Amino acid sequence: MRKNNRIRVRQGSGNVFRDLGFPNPEREEIKARLTLQIYRIIKARKLTQTAAGEILGIKQPHVSGLMRGQSGNFSIERLMEFLTALGQDVEITVRPTRKEHGDVSLVLG
């Protein structure tokens, strides 16, 4: 006889890093999205990890980490530098908010 095991489901916040209790979830989400964009560009250009490393100014093992979604110790600024090295424009917009505290978000074009 099968037991009826109920799975408890809870609505997420929209940021998996916040839901998992990371200390800086907004920063982690931005790093993940920037890393994904770097991955997509490298794949679309069919670059080897060695060739990508030469463009980015890092060694192949670090490119390997990026290609596996590991932003590691790279800062948001460094990830943005990688994108500019790959021929992308990076734009930062600051605008007033109607809330007490502003939000940080990333829009990829």
PDB file of N, CA and C in Angstrom:
ATOM      1  N   MET A   1       0.836  -1.175   0.000  1.00  0.00           N
ATOM      2  CA  MET A   1       0.000   0.000   0.000  1.00  0.00           C
ATOM      3  C   MET A   1       0.888   1.247   0.000  1.00  0.00           C
ATOM      4  N   ARG A   2       0.540   2.222  -0.844  1.00  0.00           N
ATOM      5  CA  ARG A   2       1.320   3.464  -0.937  1.00  0.00           C
ATOM      6  C   ARG A   2       0.869   4.490   0.075  1.00  0.00           C
ATOM      7  N   LYS A   3       1.822   5.121   0.639  1.00  0.00           N
ATOM      8  CA  LYS A   3       1.548   6.205   1.566  1.00  0.00           C
ATOM      9  C   LYS A   3       1.371   7.490   0.781  1.00  0.00           C
ATOM     10  N   ASN A   4       0.477   8.307   1.193  1.00  0.00           N
ATOM     11  CA  ASN A   4       0.268   9.592   0.528  1.00  0.00           C
ATOM     12  C   ASN A   4       1.216  10.613   1.143  1.00  0.00           C
ATOM     13  N   ASN A   5       2.382  10.779   0.525  1.00  0.00           N
ATOM     14  CA  ASN A   5       3.360  11.748   1.012  1.00  0.00           C
ATOM     15  C   ASN A   5       3.079  13.100   0.384  1.00  0.00           C
ATOM     16  N   ARG A   6       2.756  14.033   1.187  1.00  0.00           N
ATOM     17  CA  ARG A   6       2.490  15.383   0.680  1.00  0.00           C
ATOM     18  C   ARG A   6       3.793  16.162   0.579  1.00  0.00           C
ATOM     19  N   ILE A   7       3.929  16.857  -0.477  1.00  0.00           N
ATOM     20  CA  ILE A   7       5.096  17.710  -0.676  1.00  0.00           C
ATOM     21  C   ILE A   7       4.667  19.137  -0.367  1.00  0.00           C
ATOM     22  N   ARG A   8       5.372  19.736   0.528  1.00  0.00           N
ATOM     23  CA  ARG A   8       5.053  21.120   0.877  1.00  0.00           C
ATOM     24  C   ARG A   8       5.727  22.054  -0.115  1.00  0.00           C
ATOM     25  N   VAL A   9       4.955  22.920  -0.678  1.00  0.00           N
ATOM     26  CA  VAL A   9       5.452  23.870  -1.664  1.00  0.00           C
ATOM     27  C   VAL A   9       5.251  25.267  -1.109  1.00  0.00           C
ATOM     28  N   ARG A  10       6.275  26.065  -1.259  1.00  0.00           N
ATOM     29  CA  ARG A  10       6.192  27.437  -0.780  1.00  0.00           C
ATOM     30  C   ARG A  10       6.543  28.368  -1.930  1.00  0.00           C
ATOM     31  N   GLN A  11       5.807  29.435  -2.073  1.00  0.00           N
ATOM     32  CA  GLN A  11       6.060  30.438  -3.107  1.00  0.00           C
ATOM     33  C   GLN A  11       7.451  31.041  -2.908  1.00  0.00           C
ATOM     34  N   GLY A  12       8.254  31.043  -3.964  1.00  0.00           N
ATOM     35  CA  GLY A  12       9.590  31.627  -3.891  1.00  0.00           C
ATOM     36  C   GLY A  12       9.538  33.145  -3.967  1.00  0.00           C
ATOM     37  N   SER A  13      10.623  33.756  -3.607  1.00  0.00           N
ATOM     38  CA  SER A  13      10.709  35.221  -3.615  1.00  0.00           C
ATOM     39  C   SER A  13      11.029  35.774  -5.003  1.00  0.00           C
ATOM     40  N   GLY A  14      11.427  34.875  -5.917  1.00  0.00           N
ATOM     41  CA  GLY A  14      11.899  35.323  -7.228  1.00  0.00           C
ATOM     42  C   GLY A  14      13.416  35.373  -7.288  1.00  0.00           C
ATOM     43  N   ASN A  15      14.060  35.205  -6.145  1.00  0.00           N
ATOM     44  CA  ASN A  15      15.516  35.175  -6.082  1.00  0.00           C
ATOM     45  C   ASN A  15      15.913  33.920  -5.308  1.00  0.00           C
ATOM     46  N   VAL A  16      16.392  32.925  -6.033  1.00  0.00           N
ATOM     47  CA  VAL A  16      16.736  31.644  -5.411  1.00  0.00           C
ATOM     48  C   VAL A  16      17.798  31.812  -4.322  1.00  0.00           C
ATOM     49  N   PHE A  17      18.673  32.777  -4.483  1.00  0.00           N
ATOM     50  CA  PHE A  17      19.722  32.994  -3.485  1.00  0.00           C
ATOM     51  C   PHE A  17      19.128  33.514  -2.173  1.00  0.00           C
ATOM     52  N   ARG A  18      18.086  34.338  -2.261  1.00  0.00           N
ATOM     53  CA  ARG A  18      17.392  34.801  -1.049  1.00  0.00           C
ATOM     54  C   ARG A  18      16.680  33.619  -0.400  1.00  0.00           C
ATOM     55  N   ASP A  19      16.018  32.806  -1.223  1.00  0.00           N
ATOM     56  CA  ASP A  19      15.275  31.665  -0.697  1.00  0.00           C
ATOM     57  C   ASP A  19      16.195  30.663  -0.001  1.00  0.00           C
ATOM     58  N   LEU A  20      17.446  30.565  -0.465  1.00  0.00           N
ATOM     59  CA  LEU A  20      18.410  29.648   0.141  1.00  0.00           C
ATOM     60  C   LEU A  20      19.174  30.268   1.305  1.00  0.00           C
ATOM     61  N   GLY A  21      18.912  31.539   1.596  1.00  0.00           N
ATOM     62  CA  GLY A  21      19.508  32.175   2.762  1.00  0.00           C
ATOM     63  C   GLY A  21      20.894  32.762   2.551  1.00  0.00           C
ATOM     64  N   PHE A  22      21.262  33.049   1.290  1.00  0.00           N
ATOM     65  CA  PHE A  22      22.569  33.672   1.043  1.00  0.00           C
ATOM     66  C   PHE A  22      22.595  35.063   1.668  1.00  0.00           C
ATOM     67  N   PRO A  23      23.768  35.502   2.189  1.00  0.00           N
ATOM     68  CA  PRO A  23      23.832  36.797   2.864  1.00  0.00           C
ATOM     69  C   PRO A  23      23.622  38.002   1.942  1.00  0.00           C
ATOM     70  N   ASN A  24      24.016  37.933   0.682  1.00  0.00           N
ATOM     71  CA  ASN A  24      23.834  39.038  -0.265  1.00  0.00           C
ATOM     72  C   ASN A  24      23.146  38.502  -1.529  1.00  0.00           C
ATOM     73  N   PRO A  25      21.854  38.181  -1.417  1.00  0.00           N
ATOM     74  CA  PRO A  25      21.183  37.499  -2.526  1.00  0.00           C
ATOM     75  C   PRO A  25      21.118  38.303  -3.822  1.00  0.00           C
ATOM     76  N   GLU A  26      20.970  39.621  -3.729  1.00  0.00           N
ATOM     77  CA  GLU A  26      20.906  40.435  -4.948  1.00  0.00           C
ATOM     78  C   GLU A  26      22.233  40.378  -5.697  1.00  0.00           C
ATOM     79  N   ARG A  27      23.337  40.482  -4.950  1.00  0.00           N
ATOM     80  CA  ARG A  27      24.660  40.409  -5.565  1.00  0.00           C
ATOM     81  C   ARG A  27      24.872  39.043  -6.223  1.00  0.00           C
ATOM     82  N   GLU A  28      24.485  37.982  -5.537  1.00  0.00           N
ATOM     83  CA  GLU A  28      24.665  36.635  -6.072  1.00  0.00           C
ATOM     84  C   GLU A  28      23.840  36.418  -7.336  1.00  0.00           C
ATOM     85  N   GLU A  29      22.628  36.953  -7.362  1.00  0.00           N
ATOM     86  CA  GLU A  29      21.794  36.810  -8.555  1.00  0.00           C
ATOM     87  C   GLU A  29      22.412  37.556  -9.736  1.00  0.00           C
ATOM     88  N   ILE A  30      22.908  38.751  -9.498  1.00  0.00           N
ATOM     89  CA  ILE A  30      23.542  39.521 -10.571  1.00  0.00           C
ATOM     90  C   ILE A  30      24.781  38.787 -11.081  1.00  0.00           C
ATOM     91  N   LYS A  31      25.596  38.272 -10.180  1.00  0.00           N
ATOM     92  CA  LYS A  31      26.783  37.523 -10.596  1.00  0.00           C
ATOM     93  C   LYS A  31      26.397  36.311 -11.436  1.00  0.00           C
ATOM     94  N   ALA A  32      25.348  35.611 -11.021  1.00  0.00           N
ATOM     95  CA  ALA A  32      24.904  34.427 -11.765  1.00  0.00           C
ATOM     96  C   ALA A  32      24.425  34.823 -13.167  1.00  0.00           C
ATOM     97  N   ARG A  33      23.694  35.908 -13.270  1.00  0.00           N
ATOM     98  CA  ARG A  33      23.174  36.327 -14.573  1.00  0.00           C
ATOM     99  C   ARG A  33      24.290  36.835 -15.482  1.00  0.00           C
ATOM    100  N   LEU A  34      25.263  37.549 -14.923  1.00  0.00           N
ATOM    101  CA  LEU A  34      26.408  37.997 -15.720  1.00  0.00           C
ATOM    102  C   LEU A  34      27.223  36.795 -16.202  1.00  0.00           C
ATOM    103  N   THR A  35      27.426  35.827 -15.312  1.00  0.00           N
ATOM    104  CA  THR A  35      28.171  34.626 -15.671  1.00  0.00           C
ATOM    105  C   THR A  35      27.458  33.856 -16.779  1.00  0.00           C
ATOM    106  N   LEU A  36      26.138  33.772 -16.707  1.00  0.00           N
ATOM    107  CA  LEU A  36      25.368  33.106 -17.754  1.00  0.00           C
ATOM    108  C   LEU A  36      25.530  33.821 -19.093  1.00  0.00           C
ATOM    109  N   GLN A  37      25.543  35.142 -19.070  1.00  0.00           N
ATOM    110  CA  GLN A  37      25.727  35.905 -20.304  1.00  0.00           C
ATOM    111  C   GLN A  37      27.115  35.655 -20.900  1.00  0.00           C
ATOM    112  N   ILE A  38      28.124  35.608 -20.055  1.00  0.00           N
ATOM    113  CA  ILE A  38      29.487  35.301 -20.521  1.00  0.00           C
ATOM    114  C   ILE A  38      29.505  33.915 -21.163  1.00  0.00           C
ATOM    115  N   TYR A  39      28.883  32.956 -20.498  1.00  0.00           N
ATOM    116  CA  TYR A  39      28.792  31.588 -21.023  1.00  0.00           C
ATOM    117  C   TYR A  39      28.154  31.589 -22.410  1.00  0.00           C
ATOM    118  N   ARG A  40      27.025  32.276 -22.540  1.00  0.00           N
ATOM    119  CA  ARG A  40      26.302  32.299 -23.820  1.00  0.00           C
ATOM    120  C   ARG A  40      27.152  32.884 -24.946  1.00  0.00           C
ATOM    121  N   ILE A  41      27.882  33.948 -24.645  1.00  0.00           N
ATOM    122  CA  ILE A  41      28.715  34.586 -25.668  1.00  0.00           C
ATOM    123  C   ILE A  41      29.852  33.651 -26.086  1.00  0.00           C
ATOM    124  N   ILE A  42      30.502  33.040 -25.121  1.00  0.00           N
ATOM    125  CA  ILE A  42      31.605  32.117 -25.435  1.00  0.00           C
ATOM    126  C   ILE A  42      31.089  30.958 -26.283  1.00  0.00           C
ATOM    127  N   LYS A  43      29.941  30.403 -25.925  1.00  0.00           N
ATOM    128  CA  LYS A  43      29.357  29.297 -26.686  1.00  0.00           C
ATOM    129  C   LYS A  43      28.951  29.750 -28.090  1.00  0.00           C
ATOM    130  N   ALA A  44      28.300  30.913 -28.182  1.00  0.00           N
ATOM    131  CA  ALA A  44      27.844  31.400 -29.485  1.00  0.00           C
ATOM    132  C   ALA A  44      29.010  31.645 -30.435  1.00  0.00           C
ATOM    133  N   ARG A  45      30.137  32.067 -29.888  1.00  0.00           N
ATOM    134  CA  ARG A  45      31.329  32.325 -30.715  1.00  0.00           C
ATOM    135  C   ARG A  45      32.176  31.075 -30.922  1.00  0.00           C
ATOM    136  N   LYS A  46      31.757  29.988 -30.277  1.00  0.00           N
ATOM    137  CA  LYS A  46      32.471  28.713 -30.384  1.00  0.00           C
ATOM    138  C   LYS A  46      33.949  28.845 -30.011  1.00  0.00           C
ATOM    139  N   LEU A  47      34.193  29.638 -28.952  1.00  0.00           N
ATOM    140  CA  LEU A  47      35.555  29.831 -28.465  1.00  0.00           C
ATOM    141  C   LEU A  47      35.976  28.646 -27.606  1.00  0.00           C
ATOM    142  N   THR A  48      37.222  28.264 -27.720  1.00  0.00           N
ATOM    143  CA  THR A  48      37.753  27.296 -26.768  1.00  0.00           C
ATOM    144  C   THR A  48      37.941  28.023 -25.438  1.00  0.00           C
ATOM    145  N   GLN A  49      38.070  27.258 -24.374  1.00  0.00           N
ATOM    146  CA  GLN A  49      38.298  27.888 -23.077  1.00  0.00           C
ATOM    147  C   GLN A  49      39.631  28.623 -23.057  1.00  0.00           C
ATOM    148  N   THR A  50      40.612  28.101 -23.759  1.00  0.00           N
ATOM    149  CA  THR A  50      41.913  28.759 -23.826  1.00  0.00           C
ATOM    150  C   THR A  50      41.794  30.094 -24.557  1.00  0.00           C
ATOM    151  N   ALA A  51      41.088  30.096 -25.696  1.00  0.00           N
ATOM    152  CA  ALA A  51      40.900  31.338 -26.459  1.00  0.00           C
ATOM    153  C   ALA A  51      40.087  32.347 -25.649  1.00  0.00           C
ATOM    154  N   ALA A  52      39.057  31.872 -24.962  1.00  0.00           N
ATOM    155  CA  ALA A  52      38.254  32.764 -24.127  1.00  0.00           C
ATOM    156  C   ALA A  52      39.110  33.352 -23.008  1.00  0.00           C
ATOM    157  N   GLY A  53      39.971  32.529 -22.430  1.00  0.00           N
ATOM    158  CA  GLY A  53      40.860  33.004 -21.369  1.00  0.00           C
ATOM    159  C   GLY A  53      41.789  34.094 -21.848  1.00  0.00           C
ATOM    160  N   GLU A  54      42.283  33.956 -23.086  1.00  0.00           N
ATOM    161  CA  GLU A  54      43.151  34.999 -23.648  1.00  0.00           C
ATOM    162  C   GLU A  54      42.388  36.312 -23.802  1.00  0.00           C
ATOM    163  N   ILE A  55      41.156  36.238 -24.254  1.00  0.00           N
ATOM    164  CA  ILE A  55      40.329  37.441 -24.409  1.00  0.00           C
ATOM    165  C   ILE A  55      40.030  38.063 -23.048  1.00  0.00           C
ATOM    166  N   LEU A  56      39.710  37.228 -22.073  1.00  0.00           N
ATOM    167  CA  LEU A  56      39.305  37.714 -20.750  1.00  0.00           C
ATOM    168  C   LEU A  56      40.486  38.059 -19.852  1.00  0.00           C
ATOM    169  N   GLY A  57      41.668  37.575 -20.211  1.00  0.00           N
ATOM    170  CA  GLY A  57      42.840  37.835 -19.393  1.00  0.00           C
ATOM    171  C   GLY A  57      42.921  36.953 -18.162  1.00  0.00           C
ATOM    172  N   ILE A  58      42.346  35.740 -18.262  1.00  0.00           N
ATOM    173  CA  ILE A  58      42.399  34.791 -17.153  1.00  0.00           C
ATOM    174  C   ILE A  58      42.842  33.428 -17.693  1.00  0.00           C
ATOM    175  N   LYS A  59      43.219  32.555 -16.786  1.00  0.00           N
ATOM    176  CA  LYS A  59      43.685  31.225 -17.194  1.00  0.00           C
ATOM    177  C   LYS A  59      42.505  30.299 -17.487  1.00  0.00           C
ATOM    178  N   GLN A  60      42.779  29.297 -18.303  1.00  0.00           N
ATOM    179  CA  GLN A  60      41.747  28.355 -18.741  1.00  0.00           C
ATOM    180  C   GLN A  60      40.952  27.732 -17.588  1.00  0.00           C
ATOM    181  N   PRO A  61      41.578  27.335 -16.478  1.00  0.00           N
ATOM    182  CA  PRO A  61      40.769  26.744 -15.397  1.00  0.00           C
ATOM    183  C   PRO A  61      39.699  27.693 -14.853  1.00  0.00           C
ATOM    184  N   HIS A  62      39.983  29.002 -14.865  1.00  0.00           N
ATOM    185  CA  HIS A  62      38.989  29.978 -14.403  1.00  0.00           C
ATOM    186  C   HIS A  62      37.853  30.088 -15.413  1.00  0.00           C
ATOM    187  N   VAL A  63      38.182  29.991 -16.711  1.00  0.00           N
ATOM    188  CA  VAL A  63      37.140  29.992 -17.743  1.00  0.00           C
ATOM    189  C   VAL A  63      36.276  28.751 -17.559  1.00  0.00           C
ATOM    190  N   SER A  64      36.903  27.617 -17.283  1.00  0.00           N
ATOM    191  CA  SER A  64      36.167  26.382 -17.048  1.00  0.00           C
ATOM    192  C   SER A  64      35.155  26.560 -15.921  1.00  0.00           C
ATOM    193  N   GLY A  65      35.568  27.202 -14.854  1.00  0.00           N
ATOM    194  CA  GLY A  65      34.658  27.475 -13.746  1.00  0.00           C
ATOM    195  C   GLY A  65      33.494  28.342 -14.175  1.00  0.00           C
ATOM    196  N   LEU A  66      33.796  29.402 -14.926  1.00  0.00           N
ATOM    197  CA  LEU A  66      32.727  30.275 -15.419  1.00  0.00           C
ATOM    198  C   LEU A  66      31.746  29.495 -16.294  1.00  0.00           C
ATOM    199  N   MET A  67      32.271  28.606 -17.126  1.00  0.00           N
ATOM    200  CA  MET A  67      31.422  27.840 -18.029  1.00  0.00           C
ATOM    201  C   MET A  67      30.543  26.843 -17.267  1.00  0.00           C
ATOM    202  N   ARG A  68      30.908  26.561 -16.037  1.00  0.00           N
ATOM    203  CA  ARG A  68      30.096  25.686 -15.178  1.00  0.00           C
ATOM    204  C   ARG A  68      29.241  26.499 -14.214  1.00  0.00           C
ATOM    205  N   GLY A  69      29.141  27.810 -14.484  1.00  0.00           N
ATOM    206  CA  GLY A  69      28.280  28.664 -13.676  1.00  0.00           C
ATOM    207  C   GLY A  69      28.874  29.102 -12.365  1.00  0.00           C
ATOM    208  N   GLN A  70      30.181  28.958 -12.217  1.00  0.00           N
ATOM    209  CA  GLN A  70      30.835  29.340 -10.966  1.00  0.00           C
ATOM    210  C   GLN A  70      31.540  30.679 -11.150  1.00  0.00           C
ATOM    211  N   SER A  71      30.949  31.705 -10.574  1.00  0.00           N
ATOM    212  CA  SER A  71      31.573  33.022 -10.687  1.00  0.00           C
ATOM    213  C   SER A  71      32.730  33.167  -9.711  1.00  0.00           C
ATOM    214  N   GLY A  72      32.831  32.212  -8.786  1.00  0.00           N
ATOM    215  CA  GLY A  72      33.964  32.169  -7.870  1.00  0.00           C
ATOM    216  C   GLY A  72      34.180  33.472  -7.131  1.00  0.00           C
ATOM    217  N   ASN A  73      35.417  33.889  -7.084  1.00  0.00           N
ATOM    218  CA  ASN A  73      35.760  35.120  -6.370  1.00  0.00           C
ATOM    219  C   ASN A  73      35.731  36.343  -7.281  1.00  0.00           C
ATOM    220  N   PHE A  74      35.201  36.192  -8.501  1.00  0.00           N
ATOM    221  CA  PHE A  74      35.124  37.342  -9.389  1.00  0.00           C
ATOM    222  C   PHE A  74      34.045  38.297  -8.898  1.00  0.00           C
ATOM    223  N   SER A  75      34.382  39.567  -8.846  1.00  0.00           N
ATOM    224  CA  SER A  75      33.417  40.583  -8.433  1.00  0.00           C
ATOM    225  C   SER A  75      32.471  40.885  -9.596  1.00  0.00           C
ATOM    226  N   ILE A  76      31.396  41.565  -9.295  1.00  0.00           N
ATOM    227  CA  ILE A  76      30.474  42.015 -10.342  1.00  0.00           C
ATOM    228  C   ILE A  76      31.229  42.889 -11.326  1.00  0.00           C
ATOM    229  N   GLU A  77      32.094  43.757 -10.816  1.00  0.00           N
ATOM    230  CA  GLU A  77      32.875  44.638 -11.681  1.00  0.00           C
ATOM    231  C   GLU A  77      33.754  43.837 -12.642  1.00  0.00           C
ATOM    232  N   ARG A  78      34.393  42.801 -12.131  1.00  0.00           N
ATOM    233  CA  ARG A  78      35.272  41.976 -12.980  1.00  0.00           C
ATOM    234  C   ARG A  78      34.468  41.236 -14.043  1.00  0.00           C
ATOM    235  N   LEU A  79      33.288  40.726 -13.667  1.00  0.00           N
ATOM    236  CA  LEU A  79      32.426  40.051 -14.635  1.00  0.00           C
ATOM    237  C   LEU A  79      31.981  41.030 -15.731  1.00  0.00           C
ATOM    238  N   MET A  80      31.725  42.270 -15.343  1.00  0.00           N
ATOM    239  CA  MET A  80      31.365  43.283 -16.349  1.00  0.00           C
ATOM    240  C   MET A  80      32.558  43.570 -17.260  1.00  0.00           C
ATOM    241  N   GLU A  81      33.772  43.569 -16.708  1.00  0.00           N
ATOM    242  CA  GLU A  81      34.972  43.746 -17.537  1.00  0.00           C
ATOM    243  C   GLU A  81      35.107  42.602 -18.541  1.00  0.00           C
ATOM    244  N   PHE A  82      34.770  41.383 -18.125  1.00  0.00           N
ATOM    245  CA  PHE A  82      34.801  40.248 -19.050  1.00  0.00           C
ATOM    246  C   PHE A  82      33.833  40.493 -20.210  1.00  0.00           C
ATOM    247  N   LEU A  83      32.658  41.002 -19.893  1.00  0.00           N
ATOM    248  CA  LEU A  83      31.665  41.267 -20.940  1.00  0.00           C
ATOM    249  C   LEU A  83      32.153  42.335 -21.913  1.00  0.00           C
ATOM    250  N   THR A  84      32.788  43.381 -21.402  1.00  0.00           N
ATOM    251  CA  THR A  84      33.299  44.406 -22.320  1.00  0.00           C
ATOM    252  C   THR A  84      34.433  43.842 -23.167  1.00  0.00           C
ATOM    253  N   ALA A  85      35.255  42.962 -22.589  1.00  0.00           N
ATOM    254  CA  ALA A  85      36.330  42.316 -23.358  1.00  0.00           C
ATOM    255  C   ALA A  85      35.746  41.447 -24.464  1.00  0.00           C
ATOM    256  N   LEU A  86      34.535  40.941 -24.246  1.00  0.00           N
ATOM    257  CA  LEU A  86      33.853  40.125 -25.241  1.00  0.00           C
ATOM    258  C   LEU A  86      33.030  40.980 -26.215  1.00  0.00           C
ATOM    259  N   GLY A  87      33.235  42.295 -26.166  1.00  0.00           N
ATOM    260  CA  GLY A  87      32.578  43.186 -27.126  1.00  0.00           C
ATOM    261  C   GLY A  87      31.173  43.603 -26.757  1.00  0.00           C
ATOM    262  N   GLN A  88      30.860  43.569 -25.474  1.00  0.00           N
ATOM    263  CA  GLN A  88      29.527  43.966 -25.024  1.00  0.00           C
ATOM    264  C   GLN A  88      29.600  45.332 -24.348  1.00  0.00           C
ATOM    265  N   ASP A  89      28.550  46.123 -24.505  1.00  0.00           N
ATOM    266  CA  ASP A  89      28.410  47.361 -23.746  1.00  0.00           C
ATOM    267  C   ASP A  89      27.708  47.017 -22.442  1.00  0.00           C
ATOM    268  N   VAL A  90      28.182  47.585 -21.354  1.00  0.00           N
ATOM    269  CA  VAL A  90      27.559  47.400 -20.048  1.00  0.00           C
ATOM    270  C   VAL A  90      27.125  48.777 -19.575  1.00  0.00           C
ATOM    271  N   GLU A  91      25.856  48.892 -19.246  1.00  0.00           N
ATOM    272  CA  GLU A  91      25.295  50.185 -18.842  1.00  0.00           C
ATOM    273  C   GLU A  91      24.715  50.056 -17.439  1.00  0.00           C
ATOM    274  N   ILE A  92      25.059  50.985 -16.574  1.00  0.00           N
ATOM    275  CA  ILE A  92      24.516  51.017 -15.218  1.00  0.00           C
ATOM    276  C   ILE A  92      23.612  52.237 -15.122  1.00  0.00           C
ATOM    277  N   THR A  93      22.382  52.021 -14.679  1.00  0.00           N
ATOM    278  CA  THR A  93      21.411  53.103 -14.565  1.00  0.00           C
ATOM    279  C   THR A  93      21.043  53.283 -13.103  1.00  0.00           C
ATOM    280  N   VAL A  94      21.086  54.511 -12.640  1.00  0.00           N
ATOM    281  CA  VAL A  94      20.664  54.837 -11.280  1.00  0.00           C
ATOM    282  C   VAL A  94      19.498  55.803 -11.400  1.00  0.00           C
ATOM    283  N   ARG A  95      18.391  55.490 -10.713  1.00  0.00           N
ATOM    284  CA  ARG A  95      17.218  56.363 -10.766  1.00  0.00           C
ATOM    285  C   ARG A  95      16.517  56.355  -9.411  1.00  0.00           C
ATOM    286  N   PRO A  96      15.759  57.391  -9.137  1.00  0.00           N
ATOM    287  CA  PRO A  96      15.050  57.457  -7.849  1.00  0.00           C
ATOM    288  C   PRO A  96      14.019  56.330  -7.722  1.00  0.00           C
ATOM    289  N   THR A  97      13.763  55.936  -6.485  1.00  0.00           N
ATOM    290  CA  THR A  97      12.743  54.933  -6.215  1.00  0.00           C
ATOM    291  C   THR A  97      11.636  55.564  -5.378  1.00  0.00           C
ATOM    292  N   ARG A  98      10.490  54.959  -5.400  1.00  0.00           N
ATOM    293  CA  ARG A  98       9.375  55.443  -4.584  1.00  0.00           C
ATOM    294  C   ARG A  98       9.319  54.721  -3.246  1.00  0.00           C
ATOM    295  N   LYS A  99      10.202  53.745  -3.080  1.00  0.00           N
ATOM    296  CA  LYS A  99      10.241  52.976  -1.842  1.00  0.00           C
ATOM    297  C   LYS A  99      11.279  53.581  -0.901  1.00  0.00           C
ATOM    298  N   GLU A 100      11.275  53.109   0.324  1.00  0.00           N
ATOM    299  CA  GLU A 100      12.248  53.593   1.314  1.00  0.00           C
ATOM    300  C   GLU A 100      13.669  53.244   0.897  1.00  0.00           C
ATOM    301  N   HIS A 101      13.848  52.013   0.374  1.00  0.00           N
ATOM    302  CA  HIS A 101      15.152  51.557  -0.085  1.00  0.00           C
ATOM    303  C   HIS A 101      15.027  51.110  -1.528  1.00  0.00           C
ATOM    304  N   GLY A 102      16.047  51.399  -2.298  1.00  0.00           N
ATOM    305  CA  GLY A 102      16.043  50.999  -3.703  1.00  0.00           C
ATOM    306  C   GLY A 102      16.355  49.528  -3.895  1.00  0.00           C
ATOM    307  N   ASP A 103      16.163  49.059  -5.114  1.00  0.00           N
ATOM    308  CA  ASP A 103      16.454  47.687  -5.491  1.00  0.00           C
ATOM    309  C   ASP A 103      17.595  47.667  -6.486  1.00  0.00           C
ATOM    310  N   VAL A 104      18.241  46.533  -6.595  1.00  0.00           N
ATOM    311  CA  VAL A 104      19.286  46.322  -7.599  1.00  0.00           C
ATOM    312  C   VAL A 104      18.755  45.284  -8.560  1.00  0.00           C
ATOM    313  N   SER A 105      18.839  45.579  -9.867  1.00  0.00           N
ATOM    314  CA  SER A 105      18.375  44.608 -10.846  1.00  0.00           C
ATOM    315  C   SER A 105      19.299  44.636 -12.047  1.00  0.00           C
ATOM    316  N   LEU A 106      19.154  43.638 -12.898  1.00  0.00           N
ATOM    317  CA  LEU A 106      19.992  43.508 -14.092  1.00  0.00           C
ATOM    318  C   LEU A 106      19.089  43.242 -15.272  1.00  0.00           C
ATOM    319  N   VAL A 107      19.248  44.028 -16.330  1.00  0.00           N
ATOM    320  CA  VAL A 107      18.489  43.843 -17.556  1.00  0.00           C
ATOM    321  C   VAL A 107      19.472  43.468 -18.641  1.00  0.00           C
ATOM    322  N   LEU A 108      19.273  42.294 -19.232  1.00  0.00           N
ATOM    323  CA  LEU A 108      20.159  41.851 -20.317  1.00  0.00           C
ATOM    324  C   LEU A 108      19.446  42.069 -21.637  1.00  0.00           C
ATOM    325  N   GLY A 109      20.194  42.640 -22.598  1.00  0.00           N
ATOM    326  CA  GLY A 109      19.591  42.930 -23.895  1.00  0.00           C
ATOM    327  C   GLY A 109      19.966  41.946 -24.937  1.00  0.00           C
TER     328      GLY A 109
END
